[in-house]
N, C-alpha and C. Protein backbone atom coordinates (compact mmCIF):
# COMPACT_ATOMS: atom_id res chain seq x y z
N MET A 1 19.28 10.20 10.67
CA MET A 1 20.02 9.01 10.96
C MET A 1 19.66 7.94 9.93
N LYS A 2 20.65 7.22 9.46
CA LYS A 2 20.41 6.14 8.51
C LYS A 2 19.74 4.97 9.20
N SER A 3 18.97 4.24 8.44
CA SER A 3 18.34 3.03 8.97
C SER A 3 19.19 1.83 8.64
N PHE A 4 19.35 0.94 9.59
CA PHE A 4 20.09 -0.29 9.40
C PHE A 4 19.18 -1.43 9.81
N THR A 5 18.90 -2.31 8.89
CA THR A 5 17.96 -3.38 9.18
C THR A 5 18.58 -4.72 8.82
N LEU A 6 18.38 -5.69 9.66
CA LEU A 6 18.85 -7.04 9.41
C LEU A 6 17.69 -8.00 9.49
N CYS A 7 17.52 -8.80 8.50
CA CYS A 7 16.53 -9.87 8.57
C CYS A 7 17.29 -11.15 8.81
N LEU A 8 17.02 -11.77 9.92
CA LEU A 8 17.81 -12.91 10.35
C LEU A 8 17.17 -14.25 10.04
N SER A 9 15.88 -14.34 10.07
CA SER A 9 15.25 -15.64 9.92
C SER A 9 13.79 -15.47 9.57
N LEU A 10 13.24 -16.47 8.91
CA LEU A 10 11.82 -16.48 8.60
C LEU A 10 11.16 -17.67 9.25
N MET A 11 9.90 -17.53 9.56
CA MET A 11 9.13 -18.61 10.17
C MET A 11 7.75 -18.60 9.54
N LEU A 12 7.24 -19.76 9.18
CA LEU A 12 5.88 -19.88 8.67
C LEU A 12 4.98 -20.39 9.78
N SER A 13 3.74 -19.95 9.76
CA SER A 13 2.78 -20.55 10.68
C SER A 13 1.60 -21.06 9.86
N VAL A 14 1.14 -22.23 10.22
CA VAL A 14 0.01 -22.84 9.57
C VAL A 14 -1.02 -23.12 10.64
N PHE A 15 -2.24 -22.67 10.42
CA PHE A 15 -3.29 -22.88 11.40
C PHE A 15 -3.99 -24.20 11.12
N THR A 16 -4.14 -25.03 12.13
CA THR A 16 -4.92 -26.25 12.02
C THR A 16 -6.16 -26.07 12.86
N ALA A 17 -7.02 -27.05 12.85
CA ALA A 17 -8.28 -26.94 13.60
C ALA A 17 -8.05 -26.76 15.09
N SER A 18 -6.96 -27.32 15.62
CA SER A 18 -6.78 -27.27 17.06
C SER A 18 -5.66 -26.35 17.52
N ALA A 19 -4.71 -26.01 16.67
CA ALA A 19 -3.57 -25.23 17.14
C ALA A 19 -2.83 -24.58 15.98
N VAL A 20 -1.95 -23.67 16.34
CA VAL A 20 -1.06 -23.05 15.37
C VAL A 20 0.25 -23.83 15.39
N VAL A 21 0.74 -24.20 14.22
CA VAL A 21 2.00 -24.91 14.11
C VAL A 21 2.99 -24.00 13.39
N TYR A 22 4.12 -23.72 14.02
CA TYR A 22 5.15 -22.87 13.42
C TYR A 22 6.24 -23.77 12.85
N THR A 23 6.69 -23.44 11.65
CA THR A 23 7.70 -24.25 10.97
C THR A 23 8.81 -23.35 10.44
N PRO A 24 10.06 -23.59 10.83
CA PRO A 24 11.16 -22.81 10.24
C PRO A 24 11.24 -23.05 8.74
N VAL A 25 11.63 -22.04 8.00
CA VAL A 25 11.70 -22.11 6.56
C VAL A 25 13.11 -21.79 6.10
N ALA A 26 13.68 -22.66 5.28
CA ALA A 26 14.99 -22.39 4.70
C ALA A 26 14.84 -21.33 3.61
N VAL A 27 15.73 -20.32 3.65
CA VAL A 27 15.68 -19.25 2.66
C VAL A 27 17.06 -19.02 2.07
N THR A 28 17.07 -18.39 0.92
CA THR A 28 18.31 -17.92 0.31
C THR A 28 18.23 -16.40 0.22
N GLY A 29 19.37 -15.76 0.04
CA GLY A 29 19.38 -14.32 -0.12
C GLY A 29 20.18 -13.58 0.93
N TYR A 30 20.70 -14.31 1.92
CA TYR A 30 21.54 -13.64 2.91
C TYR A 30 22.76 -13.07 2.20
N ASN A 31 23.13 -11.82 2.50
CA ASN A 31 24.20 -11.16 1.75
C ASN A 31 25.42 -10.79 2.59
N GLN A 32 25.39 -11.01 3.88
CA GLN A 32 26.54 -10.68 4.73
C GLN A 32 26.65 -11.66 5.90
N ASP A 33 27.87 -11.78 6.43
CA ASP A 33 28.12 -12.52 7.67
C ASP A 33 28.38 -11.48 8.75
N LEU A 34 27.46 -11.35 9.69
CA LEU A 34 27.59 -10.35 10.74
C LEU A 34 27.62 -10.97 12.13
N VAL A 35 28.05 -12.23 12.22
CA VAL A 35 28.21 -12.89 13.50
C VAL A 35 29.70 -13.13 13.73
N ALA A 36 30.26 -12.47 14.74
CA ALA A 36 31.67 -12.67 15.10
C ALA A 36 31.81 -14.03 15.76
N ASP A 37 32.73 -14.83 15.23
CA ASP A 37 33.02 -16.13 15.82
C ASP A 37 34.52 -16.37 15.69
N GLY A 38 35.06 -17.29 16.43
CA GLY A 38 36.51 -17.50 16.40
C GLY A 38 37.19 -16.54 17.35
N SER A 39 38.34 -16.01 16.94
CA SER A 39 39.09 -15.11 17.83
C SER A 39 39.60 -13.91 17.05
N GLY A 40 40.04 -12.90 17.79
CA GLY A 40 40.54 -11.68 17.18
C GLY A 40 39.47 -10.61 17.11
N PRO A 41 39.82 -9.45 16.58
CA PRO A 41 38.84 -8.37 16.47
C PRO A 41 37.62 -8.83 15.67
N SER A 42 36.44 -8.38 16.06
CA SER A 42 35.22 -8.83 15.37
C SER A 42 35.28 -8.51 13.88
N ALA A 43 35.93 -7.41 13.52
CA ALA A 43 36.02 -7.03 12.11
C ALA A 43 36.73 -8.08 11.27
N SER A 44 37.54 -8.95 11.91
CA SER A 44 38.24 -9.97 11.14
C SER A 44 37.40 -11.22 10.91
N SER A 45 36.24 -11.33 11.56
CA SER A 45 35.42 -12.53 11.35
C SER A 45 34.02 -12.23 10.83
N VAL A 46 33.77 -10.98 10.46
CA VAL A 46 32.51 -10.62 9.82
C VAL A 46 32.83 -10.03 8.45
N SER A 47 31.82 -9.98 7.57
CA SER A 47 32.09 -9.50 6.21
C SER A 47 31.93 -8.00 6.05
N VAL A 48 31.38 -7.32 7.05
CA VAL A 48 31.25 -5.86 7.01
C VAL A 48 32.05 -5.31 8.18
N SER A 49 33.21 -4.75 7.90
CA SER A 49 34.12 -4.35 8.98
C SER A 49 33.53 -3.28 9.89
N THR A 50 32.54 -2.54 9.41
CA THR A 50 31.91 -1.53 10.26
C THR A 50 30.74 -2.10 11.04
N GLY A 51 30.51 -3.40 10.96
CA GLY A 51 29.44 -4.04 11.71
C GLY A 51 28.08 -3.77 11.13
N PHE A 52 27.04 -4.22 11.84
CA PHE A 52 25.69 -4.08 11.31
C PHE A 52 25.14 -2.69 11.45
N ASP A 53 25.79 -1.83 12.22
CA ASP A 53 25.22 -0.50 12.45
C ASP A 53 26.15 0.64 12.08
N GLY A 54 27.26 0.32 11.42
CA GLY A 54 28.19 1.37 10.99
C GLY A 54 29.17 1.82 12.05
N VAL A 55 29.06 1.31 13.27
CA VAL A 55 29.98 1.70 14.34
C VAL A 55 30.63 0.48 15.00
N ASN A 56 30.92 -0.53 14.16
CA ASN A 56 31.70 -1.71 14.55
C ASN A 56 31.01 -2.68 15.49
N ASN A 57 29.71 -2.66 15.60
CA ASN A 57 29.01 -3.65 16.40
C ASN A 57 28.68 -4.86 15.55
N ALA A 58 28.77 -6.04 16.14
CA ALA A 58 28.44 -7.28 15.45
C ALA A 58 27.71 -8.18 16.43
N PHE A 59 27.00 -9.15 15.91
CA PHE A 59 26.45 -10.19 16.75
C PHE A 59 27.61 -11.09 17.14
N VAL A 60 27.50 -11.79 18.28
CA VAL A 60 28.62 -12.57 18.79
C VAL A 60 28.16 -14.00 19.06
N ALA A 61 28.95 -14.97 18.56
CA ALA A 61 28.72 -16.38 18.87
C ALA A 61 29.41 -16.71 20.19
N GLN A 62 28.97 -17.76 20.85
CA GLN A 62 29.54 -18.14 22.14
C GLN A 62 31.03 -18.46 22.02
N ASN A 63 31.47 -18.97 20.87
CA ASN A 63 32.87 -19.35 20.71
C ASN A 63 33.78 -18.17 20.37
N TYR A 64 33.22 -16.97 20.28
CA TYR A 64 34.03 -15.80 19.96
C TYR A 64 34.92 -15.44 21.14
N SER A 65 36.18 -15.15 20.85
CA SER A 65 37.11 -14.81 21.92
C SER A 65 38.01 -13.66 21.48
N TYR A 66 37.93 -12.58 22.22
CA TYR A 66 38.81 -11.43 22.03
C TYR A 66 38.76 -10.68 23.35
N SER A 67 39.79 -10.70 24.08
CA SER A 67 39.81 -10.14 25.44
C SER A 67 38.89 -10.92 26.36
N GLY A 68 38.83 -12.23 26.20
CA GLY A 68 38.03 -13.07 27.08
C GLY A 68 36.79 -13.60 26.41
N THR A 69 36.03 -14.36 27.16
CA THR A 69 34.79 -14.96 26.68
C THR A 69 33.66 -13.95 26.79
N PRO A 70 32.79 -13.88 25.78
CA PRO A 70 31.69 -12.90 25.86
C PRO A 70 30.69 -13.25 26.96
N SER A 71 30.11 -12.23 27.56
CA SER A 71 29.08 -12.42 28.58
C SER A 71 27.71 -12.63 27.94
N TYR A 72 27.50 -12.05 26.77
CA TYR A 72 26.25 -12.14 26.05
C TYR A 72 26.56 -12.59 24.63
N TYR A 73 25.77 -13.55 24.13
CA TYR A 73 26.05 -14.10 22.81
C TYR A 73 24.80 -14.77 22.26
N LEU A 74 24.82 -15.02 20.96
CA LEU A 74 23.72 -15.74 20.33
C LEU A 74 23.73 -17.18 20.82
N PRO A 75 22.59 -17.83 20.85
CA PRO A 75 22.55 -19.21 21.30
C PRO A 75 23.37 -20.13 20.38
N THR A 76 24.09 -21.05 20.98
CA THR A 76 24.93 -21.98 20.23
C THR A 76 24.11 -22.75 19.20
N SER A 77 22.89 -23.10 19.53
CA SER A 77 22.02 -23.86 18.62
C SER A 77 21.50 -23.02 17.46
N GLY A 78 21.58 -21.70 17.59
CA GLY A 78 21.02 -20.81 16.57
C GLY A 78 19.52 -20.64 16.68
N THR A 79 18.91 -21.16 17.72
CA THR A 79 17.47 -21.07 17.89
C THR A 79 17.11 -19.88 18.79
N ILE A 80 16.24 -19.02 18.30
CA ILE A 80 15.73 -17.88 19.07
C ILE A 80 14.26 -18.18 19.36
N ASN A 81 13.89 -18.27 20.63
CA ASN A 81 12.51 -18.53 21.03
C ASN A 81 11.80 -17.23 21.32
N SER A 82 10.57 -17.12 20.86
CA SER A 82 9.74 -15.96 21.16
C SER A 82 9.44 -15.92 22.65
N SER A 83 9.56 -14.74 23.25
CA SER A 83 9.20 -14.60 24.66
C SER A 83 7.70 -14.33 24.81
N LEU A 84 7.01 -14.08 23.69
CA LEU A 84 5.59 -13.75 23.75
C LEU A 84 4.67 -14.84 23.22
N THR A 85 5.15 -15.66 22.29
CA THR A 85 4.29 -16.64 21.63
C THR A 85 4.82 -18.05 21.84
N THR A 86 4.08 -18.85 22.56
CA THR A 86 4.48 -20.24 22.82
C THR A 86 4.59 -21.00 21.50
N GLY A 87 5.70 -21.71 21.34
CA GLY A 87 5.91 -22.53 20.15
C GLY A 87 6.52 -21.81 18.98
N LEU A 88 6.69 -20.49 19.09
CA LEU A 88 7.28 -19.73 17.99
C LEU A 88 8.78 -19.57 18.24
N SER A 89 9.58 -20.05 17.29
CA SER A 89 11.02 -19.88 17.37
C SER A 89 11.57 -19.73 15.97
N TRP A 90 12.75 -19.14 15.90
CA TRP A 90 13.42 -18.95 14.62
C TRP A 90 14.74 -19.71 14.64
N GLN A 91 15.12 -20.27 13.51
CA GLN A 91 16.42 -20.93 13.40
C GLN A 91 17.32 -20.02 12.57
N LEU A 92 18.37 -19.50 13.19
CA LEU A 92 19.30 -18.61 12.51
C LEU A 92 20.16 -19.40 11.52
N ALA A 93 20.68 -18.70 10.54
CA ALA A 93 21.61 -19.30 9.58
C ALA A 93 22.94 -19.56 10.26
N SER A 94 23.78 -20.33 9.63
CA SER A 94 25.10 -20.66 10.16
C SER A 94 25.86 -19.39 10.55
N TYR A 95 26.55 -19.44 11.67
CA TYR A 95 27.33 -18.28 12.12
C TYR A 95 28.61 -18.11 11.31
N THR A 96 28.99 -19.07 10.50
CA THR A 96 30.26 -19.02 9.77
C THR A 96 30.09 -18.71 8.29
N ALA A 97 28.91 -18.34 7.86
CA ALA A 97 28.65 -18.02 6.45
C ALA A 97 27.75 -16.78 6.42
N ASN A 98 27.36 -16.33 5.22
CA ASN A 98 26.40 -15.23 5.16
C ASN A 98 25.17 -15.64 5.95
N ASN A 99 24.75 -14.78 6.88
CA ASN A 99 23.69 -15.15 7.81
C ASN A 99 22.65 -14.06 8.03
N VAL A 100 22.75 -12.96 7.33
CA VAL A 100 21.76 -11.87 7.43
C VAL A 100 21.53 -11.26 6.06
N LEU A 101 20.38 -10.65 5.91
CA LEU A 101 20.14 -9.75 4.79
C LEU A 101 20.38 -8.36 5.35
N HIS A 102 21.52 -7.81 5.03
CA HIS A 102 21.95 -6.52 5.58
C HIS A 102 21.52 -5.41 4.63
N LEU A 103 20.75 -4.47 5.13
CA LEU A 103 20.26 -3.33 4.36
C LEU A 103 20.69 -2.07 5.10
N PRO A 104 21.93 -1.59 4.87
CA PRO A 104 22.50 -0.55 5.72
C PRO A 104 22.01 0.87 5.47
N ASN A 105 21.38 1.13 4.35
CA ASN A 105 20.98 2.51 4.03
C ASN A 105 19.48 2.62 3.84
N ALA A 106 18.94 3.78 4.13
CA ALA A 106 17.52 4.03 3.87
C ALA A 106 17.24 3.73 2.41
N ASN A 107 16.14 3.09 2.14
CA ASN A 107 15.68 2.73 0.79
C ASN A 107 16.45 1.58 0.14
N ASP A 108 17.38 0.94 0.86
CA ASP A 108 18.01 -0.28 0.33
C ASP A 108 16.94 -1.36 0.21
N THR A 109 17.12 -2.25 -0.74
CA THR A 109 16.20 -3.37 -0.90
C THR A 109 16.97 -4.67 -0.96
N GLY A 110 16.31 -5.74 -0.68
CA GLY A 110 16.89 -7.07 -0.76
C GLY A 110 15.77 -8.09 -0.74
N SER A 111 16.11 -9.32 -1.04
CA SER A 111 15.10 -10.38 -1.09
C SER A 111 15.58 -11.62 -0.38
N LEU A 112 14.70 -12.21 0.39
CA LEU A 112 14.88 -13.54 0.93
C LEU A 112 13.85 -14.42 0.23
N THR A 113 14.29 -15.56 -0.26
CA THR A 113 13.43 -16.43 -1.06
C THR A 113 13.36 -17.81 -0.41
N PHE A 114 12.16 -18.34 -0.28
CA PHE A 114 12.00 -19.69 0.24
C PHE A 114 12.74 -20.66 -0.66
N VAL A 115 13.50 -21.58 -0.09
CA VAL A 115 14.15 -22.63 -0.87
C VAL A 115 13.07 -23.48 -1.53
N THR A 116 12.01 -23.79 -0.79
CA THR A 116 10.88 -24.55 -1.32
C THR A 116 9.61 -23.74 -1.10
N PRO A 117 8.97 -23.25 -2.18
CA PRO A 117 7.72 -22.49 -2.00
C PRO A 117 6.67 -23.35 -1.28
N GLN A 118 5.91 -22.70 -0.39
CA GLN A 118 4.89 -23.42 0.35
C GLN A 118 3.81 -22.48 0.84
N SER A 119 2.68 -23.05 1.19
CA SER A 119 1.54 -22.26 1.69
C SER A 119 1.72 -21.97 3.17
N ALA A 120 1.18 -20.83 3.60
CA ALA A 120 1.23 -20.47 5.02
C ALA A 120 0.12 -19.48 5.32
N ALA A 121 -0.32 -19.49 6.56
CA ALA A 121 -1.31 -18.52 7.01
C ALA A 121 -0.62 -17.21 7.38
N GLU A 122 0.63 -17.29 7.87
CA GLU A 122 1.40 -16.12 8.26
C GLU A 122 2.86 -16.35 7.94
N VAL A 123 3.59 -15.27 7.78
CA VAL A 123 5.05 -15.31 7.68
C VAL A 123 5.58 -14.43 8.79
N GLU A 124 6.40 -14.98 9.65
CA GLU A 124 7.01 -14.24 10.77
C GLU A 124 8.45 -13.93 10.38
N VAL A 125 8.89 -12.70 10.57
CA VAL A 125 10.24 -12.28 10.21
C VAL A 125 10.94 -11.77 11.46
N LEU A 126 12.17 -12.23 11.66
CA LEU A 126 12.97 -11.77 12.80
C LEU A 126 13.96 -10.73 12.27
N CYS A 127 13.83 -9.50 12.74
CA CYS A 127 14.67 -8.40 12.27
C CYS A 127 15.18 -7.59 13.45
N THR A 128 16.20 -6.80 13.19
CA THR A 128 16.70 -5.88 14.19
C THR A 128 17.26 -4.65 13.49
N ALA A 129 17.37 -3.57 14.22
CA ALA A 129 17.98 -2.34 13.71
C ALA A 129 19.11 -1.96 14.66
N GLY A 130 20.17 -1.39 14.13
CA GLY A 130 21.30 -1.01 14.96
C GLY A 130 21.41 0.49 15.11
N SER A 131 21.82 0.93 16.28
CA SER A 131 22.06 2.36 16.56
C SER A 131 20.87 3.24 16.21
N GLY A 132 19.71 2.82 16.61
CA GLY A 132 18.52 3.62 16.38
C GLY A 132 17.39 2.78 15.83
N SER A 133 16.30 3.43 15.55
CA SER A 133 15.13 2.71 15.05
C SER A 133 15.17 2.64 13.53
N ALA A 134 14.38 1.75 13.00
CA ALA A 134 14.26 1.60 11.55
C ALA A 134 12.82 1.23 11.23
N THR A 135 12.39 1.63 10.06
CA THR A 135 11.07 1.27 9.56
C THR A 135 11.26 0.59 8.23
N ALA A 136 10.53 -0.51 8.03
CA ALA A 136 10.71 -1.30 6.82
C ALA A 136 9.38 -1.52 6.12
N THR A 137 9.49 -1.82 4.84
CA THR A 137 8.37 -2.27 4.03
C THR A 137 8.70 -3.68 3.56
N PHE A 138 7.78 -4.61 3.77
CA PHE A 138 7.96 -5.98 3.31
C PHE A 138 6.97 -6.26 2.20
N THR A 139 7.43 -6.85 1.13
CA THR A 139 6.55 -7.28 0.05
C THR A 139 6.69 -8.79 -0.09
N VAL A 140 5.58 -9.49 0.05
CA VAL A 140 5.56 -10.93 -0.14
C VAL A 140 5.14 -11.17 -1.58
N VAL A 141 5.95 -11.95 -2.30
CA VAL A 141 5.65 -12.28 -3.69
C VAL A 141 5.21 -13.74 -3.73
N PHE A 142 4.03 -13.99 -4.25
CA PHE A 142 3.48 -15.33 -4.30
C PHE A 142 3.89 -16.03 -5.60
N THR A 143 3.78 -17.34 -5.62
CA THR A 143 4.22 -18.11 -6.79
C THR A 143 3.46 -17.74 -8.06
N ASP A 144 2.25 -17.18 -7.94
CA ASP A 144 1.51 -16.77 -9.14
C ASP A 144 1.86 -15.36 -9.59
N GLY A 145 2.84 -14.72 -8.91
CA GLY A 145 3.29 -13.39 -9.29
C GLY A 145 2.56 -12.25 -8.59
N THR A 146 1.49 -12.53 -7.86
CA THR A 146 0.81 -11.48 -7.12
C THR A 146 1.63 -11.14 -5.87
N THR A 147 1.34 -9.96 -5.30
CA THR A 147 2.11 -9.51 -4.14
C THR A 147 1.19 -8.98 -3.04
N GLN A 148 1.72 -8.93 -1.84
CA GLN A 148 1.07 -8.27 -0.72
C GLN A 148 2.13 -7.48 0.00
N THR A 149 1.90 -6.19 0.25
CA THR A 149 2.89 -5.31 0.85
C THR A 149 2.46 -4.90 2.26
N PHE A 150 3.44 -4.90 3.16
CA PHE A 150 3.24 -4.49 4.54
C PHE A 150 4.17 -3.31 4.79
N THR A 151 3.62 -2.15 5.15
CA THR A 151 4.41 -0.95 5.31
C THR A 151 4.46 -0.53 6.79
N GLY A 152 5.44 0.30 7.10
CA GLY A 152 5.54 0.86 8.44
C GLY A 152 5.93 -0.14 9.50
N ILE A 153 6.63 -1.19 9.14
CA ILE A 153 7.05 -2.22 10.09
C ILE A 153 8.28 -1.66 10.84
N SER A 154 8.20 -1.60 12.17
CA SER A 154 9.33 -1.06 12.93
C SER A 154 9.81 -2.02 13.98
């Protein structure tokens, strides 16, 4: 089975003496719009007509309408809160523009780049896989050109 991976948002965490502070980070590099919004078939409002998983599935905004209002949809604000970590949330990209780094095939590569380079203790990535599991390798490239690679991320 092919792997389909979407990276939706990045979050930085900075540790202070008393607490962890999470800060959303603006990035560039999104290559597809996979959030159905507006009306009509989802394929008419996303940039990949086969959806994020090759079988016509797409993420759905609350304003999407085709055969009625959706029962389940992405939050209107674009904010996804962690159910496990207090204070950790991700801010999704606009639902009306490229909003994911879509890597539809095994061994596909892509890059998300901080708009403004900055220091962080951790980088949190919000990803999903469609129609099955996926395993990814992430390489963080630092401003001095050195790298750190994380493998086997599922």
